[in-house]
Amino acid sequence: MSVSAYNQSVALSPDNASLGDAKPASERSAATSSVQLTVGVNFTAQTNQSGPTFSGPPQRPLPESLRPNPGPPPRPNPTLPDPYYSKQSNEQLAQGLLNNYDAFKGRWPSRYVTQQSLQQTANQPLTGNPYKDPNIRLANEVLKRPGLLQSLDRDGSSGAVDGRLTKGDITSFVRSSNPLKLSDDKQIIQDVLNNFNALKGGYFSSTIKLRDLNARAMQPLTGNPYNDHLTQLSREVMARSDLRSAMDNIYSWQRDGRISRQELYTLLR
């Protein structure tokens, strides 16, 4: 029985394979490229890759409403030194409070800056606002210096501490050049007690006379560290009328213009 030409063209035989292999390399390459997929996935082997390469279009960014929430703005860390305000002097910080006094005041109807209002400002998160953030950082730095905070609270004439940092109190602190202005009342009392003999005057005197203390306070500084300290100490006592009166005697009817050791010891209890 004869085999038709059609059947011969589809019969499988080793000769067919050999004929395919005998094709020129250019024809085999064309045949190969004609069956490659073109849907964005390249399965052609690469010498530097171990899997398929995806060369689709880049992803578009998420809409603003669908992006992850970065969370609240950071708060100043009170345990770390502020890179700017920690390097400022007490007077510079006080002047900063004075320059923007209203920003640190308590809520209406408060007319003054208080420790509580400063704490409220310090507790606020940083916002990136160039006017608001410096106030937050300054409040944090003032609260780190309790000696400064109390000194700003002290009345410029009486020396009384009443919980209110008025403009007058802050101005008095800024203008004072006395290094003892940061000392509290008990520190001043202890300082007077330590220098009692030098301040009382004559050898036979047993008390410090207020008129002698005032006279020393009026003297100019000389450059002698010990003498200048006594002068500054006298000035600070005279600048705090409440403390000066208590040193004279706690009870007004017993005041005689003299400060005794016993009265100083009583105030230190």
Foldseek 3Di string as FASTA:
>chain_A
DDDDPVVVVPDDDVVVVVVVVPDDPVVVVVVVVVPADDPQWDQPDDPPDDGIDGDDDDDDDDPPVPDDDPDDAAADDLVDQDPPQNPDDLLVLLVVCLVPVVQQFDDPPTPFHFLVSLVVLLGDHDDPPPVSNVSNNSSSNCVVQVLSRQLQQAQQAQRDRDRTRDSNSSVSVNPDPQPCSSPHLLVLLVVCLVCVVVQCPDPPGQWHALVSLVVLLPDDDDPPVVSVVSNSSSVVLNRNNNSVCQQQPVDNVNRDRIGHPVSSVVVND
